[in-house]
């Protein structure tokens, strides 16, 4: 589940269950973190 809140700070909070998932490589975790940090209106394709 992704919950977005508006704030003035430039940080991204990610649930720890994602960071401890052994099925995700470090590269995949980095890509996921980058994608989750982008604004809602950002288009990814």
PDB file of N, CA and C in Angstrom:
ATOM      1  N   UNK A   1       0.844  -1.177   0.000  1.00  0.00           N
ATOM      2  CA  UNK A   1       0.000   0.000   0.000  1.00  0.00           C
ATOM      3  C   UNK A   1       0.891   1.242   0.000  1.00  0.00           C
ATOM      4  N   UNK A   2       0.569   2.178  -0.839  1.00  0.00           N
ATOM      5  CA  UNK A   2       1.312   3.429  -0.916  1.00  0.00           C
ATOM      6  C   UNK A   2       0.435   4.538  -0.348  1.00  0.00           C
ATOM      7  N   UNK A   3       0.935   5.232   0.649  1.00  0.00           N
ATOM      8  CA  UNK A   3       0.234   6.354   1.245  1.00  0.00           C
ATOM      9  C   UNK A   3       1.075   7.592   1.018  1.00  0.00           C
ATOM     10  N   UNK A   4       0.515   8.555   0.369  1.00  0.00           N
ATOM     11  CA  UNK A   4       1.248   9.790   0.106  1.00  0.00           C
ATOM     12  C   UNK A   4       0.677  10.902   0.989  1.00  0.00           C
ATOM     13  N   UNK A   5       1.565  11.668   1.577  1.00  0.00           N
ATOM     14  CA  UNK A   5       1.183  12.828   2.364  1.00  0.00           C
ATOM     15  C   UNK A   5       1.987  14.014   1.869  1.00  0.00           C
ATOM     16  N   UNK A   6       1.366  15.164   1.874  1.00  0.00           N
ATOM     17  CA  UNK A   6       2.108  16.345   1.438  1.00  0.00           C
ATOM     18  C   UNK A   6       2.905  16.878   2.627  1.00  0.00           C
ATOM     19  N   UNK A   7       4.105  17.266   2.349  1.00  0.00           N
ATOM     20  CA  UNK A   7       4.955  17.838   3.388  1.00  0.00           C
ATOM     21  C   UNK A   7       5.933  18.800   2.736  1.00  0.00           C
ATOM     22  N   UNK A   8       6.590  19.552   3.559  1.00  0.00           N
ATOM     23  CA  UNK A   8       7.540  20.536   3.035  1.00  0.00           C
ATOM     24  C   UNK A   8       8.953  19.992   2.998  1.00  0.00           C
ATOM     25  N   UNK A   9       9.190  18.886   3.631  1.00  0.00           N
ATOM     26  CA  UNK A   9      10.522  18.301   3.678  1.00  0.00           C
ATOM     27  C   UNK A   9      10.761  17.433   2.451  1.00  0.00           C
ATOM     28  N   UNK A  10      12.001  17.258   2.106  1.00  0.00           N
ATOM     29  CA  UNK A  10      12.371  16.443   0.954  1.00  0.00           C
ATOM     30  C   UNK A  10      12.894  15.098   1.456  1.00  0.00           C
ATOM     31  N   UNK A  11      11.986  14.223   1.835  1.00  0.00           N
ATOM     32  CA  UNK A  11      12.371  12.882   2.242  1.00  0.00           C
ATOM     33  C   UNK A  11      11.275  11.906   1.866  1.00  0.00           C
ATOM     34  N   UNK A  12      11.634  10.631   1.806  1.00  0.00           N
ATOM     35  CA  UNK A  12      10.698   9.583   1.450  1.00  0.00           C
ATOM     36  C   UNK A  12      10.685   8.556   2.565  1.00  0.00           C
ATOM     37  N   UNK A  13       9.498   8.195   3.026  1.00  0.00           N
ATOM     38  CA  UNK A  13       9.360   7.168   4.057  1.00  0.00           C
ATOM     39  C   UNK A  13       8.877   5.888   3.390  1.00  0.00           C
ATOM     40  N   UNK A  14       9.563   4.786   3.664  1.00  0.00           N
ATOM     41  CA  UNK A  14       9.222   3.497   3.078  1.00  0.00           C
ATOM     42  C   UNK A  14       9.031   2.495   4.204  1.00  0.00           C
ATOM     43  N   UNK A  15       7.980   1.704   4.122  1.00  0.00           N
ATOM     44  CA  UNK A  15       7.709   0.684   5.123  1.00  0.00           C
ATOM     45  C   UNK A  15       8.878  -0.294   5.211  1.00  0.00           C
ATOM     46  N   UNK A  16       9.230  -0.697   6.404  1.00  0.00           N
ATOM     47  CA  UNK A  16      10.372  -1.588   6.591  1.00  0.00           C
ATOM     48  C   UNK A  16      10.169  -2.968   5.984  1.00  0.00           C
ATOM     49  N   UNK A  17       8.935  -3.391   5.794  1.00  0.00           N
ATOM     50  CA  UNK A  17       8.721  -4.707   5.203  1.00  0.00           C
ATOM     51  C   UNK A  17       9.309  -4.775   3.801  1.00  0.00           C
ATOM     52  N   UNK A  18       9.342  -3.655   3.112  1.00  0.00           N
ATOM     53  CA  UNK A  18       9.943  -3.613   1.776  1.00  0.00           C
ATOM     54  C   UNK A  18      11.458  -3.732   1.882  1.00  0.00           C
ATOM     55  N   UNK A  19      12.048  -3.036   2.831  1.00  0.00           N
ATOM     56  CA  UNK A  19      13.505  -3.032   2.930  1.00  0.00           C
ATOM     57  C   UNK A  19      14.059  -4.369   3.408  1.00  0.00           C
ATOM     58  N   UNK A  20      13.260  -5.153   4.112  1.00  0.00           N
ATOM     59  CA  UNK A  20      13.713  -6.449   4.605  1.00  0.00           C
ATOM     60  C   UNK A  20      13.278  -7.618   3.721  1.00  0.00           C
ATOM     61  N   UNK A  21      12.673  -7.336   2.582  1.00  0.00           N
ATOM     62  CA  UNK A  21      12.247  -8.393   1.659  1.00  0.00           C
ATOM     63  C   UNK A  21      13.479  -8.979   0.971  1.00  0.00           C
ATOM     64  N   UNK A  22      13.796 -10.226   1.276  1.00  0.00           N
ATOM     65  CA  UNK A  22      15.003 -10.861   0.739  1.00  0.00           C
ATOM     66  C   UNK A  22      14.905 -11.162  -0.747  1.00  0.00           C
ATOM     67  N   UNK A  23      13.695 -11.067  -1.324  1.00  0.00           N
ATOM     68  CA  UNK A  23      13.526 -11.309  -2.756  1.00  0.00           C
ATOM     69  C   UNK A  23      13.952 -10.107  -3.592  1.00  0.00           C
ATOM     70  N   UNK A  24      14.108  -8.944  -2.965  1.00  0.00           N
ATOM     71  CA  UNK A  24      14.515  -7.734  -3.685  1.00  0.00           C
ATOM     72  C   UNK A  24      16.027  -7.559  -3.618  1.00  0.00           C
ATOM     73  N   UNK A  25      16.642  -7.343  -4.747  1.00  0.00           N
ATOM     74  CA  UNK A  25      18.077  -7.049  -4.768  1.00  0.00           C
ATOM     75  C   UNK A  25      18.285  -5.588  -4.338  1.00  0.00           C
ATOM     76  N   UNK A  26      19.519  -5.251  -4.066  1.00  0.00           N
ATOM     77  CA  UNK A  26      19.838  -3.870  -3.701  1.00  0.00           C
ATOM     78  C   UNK A  26      19.491  -2.923  -4.855  1.00  0.00           C
ATOM     79  N   UNK A  27      19.724  -3.373  -6.080  1.00  0.00           N
ATOM     80  CA  UNK A  27      19.401  -2.556  -7.251  1.00  0.00           C
ATOM     81  C   UNK A  27      17.893  -2.340  -7.355  1.00  0.00           C
ATOM     82  N   UNK A  28      17.117  -3.409  -7.161  1.00  0.00           N
ATOM     83  CA  UNK A  28      15.655  -3.301  -7.233  1.00  0.00           C
ATOM     84  C   UNK A  28      15.121  -2.395  -6.129  1.00  0.00           C
ATOM     85  N   UNK A  29      15.701  -2.489  -4.941  1.00  0.00           N
ATOM     86  CA  UNK A  29      15.276  -1.633  -3.836  1.00  0.00           C
ATOM     87  C   UNK A  29      15.578  -0.170  -4.136  1.00  0.00           C
ATOM     88  N   UNK A  30      16.722   0.091  -4.760  1.00  0.00           N
ATOM     89  CA  UNK A  30      17.069   1.462  -5.141  1.00  0.00           C
ATOM     90  C   UNK A  30      16.113   2.023  -6.180  1.00  0.00           C
ATOM     91  N   UNK A  31      15.755   1.196  -7.166  1.00  0.00           N
ATOM     92  CA  UNK A  31      14.817   1.638  -8.206  1.00  0.00           C
ATOM     93  C   UNK A  31      13.439   1.891  -7.598  1.00  0.00           C
ATOM     94  N   UNK A  32      12.992   0.981  -6.720  1.00  0.00           N
ATOM     95  CA  UNK A  32      11.693   1.156  -6.065  1.00  0.00           C
ATOM     96  C   UNK A  32      11.673   2.433  -5.236  1.00  0.00           C
ATOM     97  N   UNK A  33      12.744   2.681  -4.504  1.00  0.00           N
ATOM     98  CA  UNK A  33      12.840   3.890  -3.689  1.00  0.00           C
ATOM     99  C   UNK A  33      12.760   5.141  -4.561  1.00  0.00           C
ATOM    100  N   UNK A  34      13.469   5.129  -5.673  1.00  0.00           N
ATOM    101  CA  UNK A  34      13.443   6.271  -6.593  1.00  0.00           C
ATOM    102  C   UNK A  34      12.037   6.498  -7.140  1.00  0.00           C
ATOM    103  N   UNK A  35      11.371   5.420  -7.572  1.00  0.00           N
ATOM    104  CA  UNK A  35      10.029   5.545  -8.138  1.00  0.00           C
ATOM    105  C   UNK A  35       9.025   6.037  -7.104  1.00  0.00           C
ATOM    106  N   UNK A  36       9.129   5.547  -5.866  1.00  0.00           N
ATOM    107  CA  UNK A  36       8.191   5.975  -4.824  1.00  0.00           C
ATOM    108  C   UNK A  36       8.426   7.422  -4.396  1.00  0.00           C
ATOM    109  N   UNK A  37       9.621   7.944  -4.641  1.00  0.00           N
ATOM    110  CA  UNK A  37       9.912   9.324  -4.236  1.00  0.00           C
ATOM    111  C   UNK A  37       9.423  10.348  -5.249  1.00  0.00           C
ATOM    112  N   UNK A  38       9.038   9.887  -6.442  1.00  0.00           N
ATOM    113  CA  UNK A  38       8.587  10.823  -7.470  1.00  0.00           C
ATOM    114  C   UNK A  38       7.160  11.293  -7.193  1.00  0.00           C
ATOM    115  N   UNK A  39       6.797  12.478  -7.647  1.00  0.00           N
ATOM    116  CA  UNK A  39       5.447  12.994  -7.424  1.00  0.00           C
ATOM    117  C   UNK A  39       4.397  12.160  -8.175  1.00  0.00           C
ATOM    118  N   UNK A  40       3.155  12.280  -7.710  1.00  0.00           N
ATOM    119  CA  UNK A  40       2.046  11.511  -8.303  1.00  0.00           C
ATOM    120  C   UNK A  40       1.870  11.769  -9.789  1.00  0.00           C
ATOM    121  N   UNK A  41       2.134  12.990 -10.227  1.00  0.00           N
ATOM    122  CA  UNK A  41       1.868  13.336 -11.628  1.00  0.00           C
ATOM    123  C   UNK A  41       3.049  13.006 -12.549  1.00  0.00           C
ATOM    124  N   UNK A  42       4.083  12.363 -12.034  1.00  0.00           N
ATOM    125  CA  UNK A  42       5.228  11.994 -12.852  1.00  0.00           C
ATOM    126  C   UNK A  42       4.878  10.781 -13.684  1.00  0.00           C
ATOM    127  N   UNK A  43       5.180  10.830 -14.972  1.00  0.00           N
ATOM    128  CA  UNK A  43       4.821   9.746 -15.886  1.00  0.00           C
ATOM    129  C   UNK A  43       6.010   8.829 -16.086  1.00  0.00           C
ATOM    130  N   UNK A  44       5.816   7.539 -15.817  1.00  0.00           N
ATOM    131  CA  UNK A  44       6.874   6.547 -15.973  1.00  0.00           C
ATOM    132  C   UNK A  44       6.471   5.560 -17.051  1.00  0.00           C
ATOM    133  N   UNK A  45       7.329   5.357 -18.032  1.00  0.00           N
ATOM    134  CA  UNK A  45       7.041   4.359 -19.066  1.00  0.00           C
ATOM    135  C   UNK A  45       8.320   3.778 -19.608  1.00  0.00           C
TER     136      UNK A  45
END
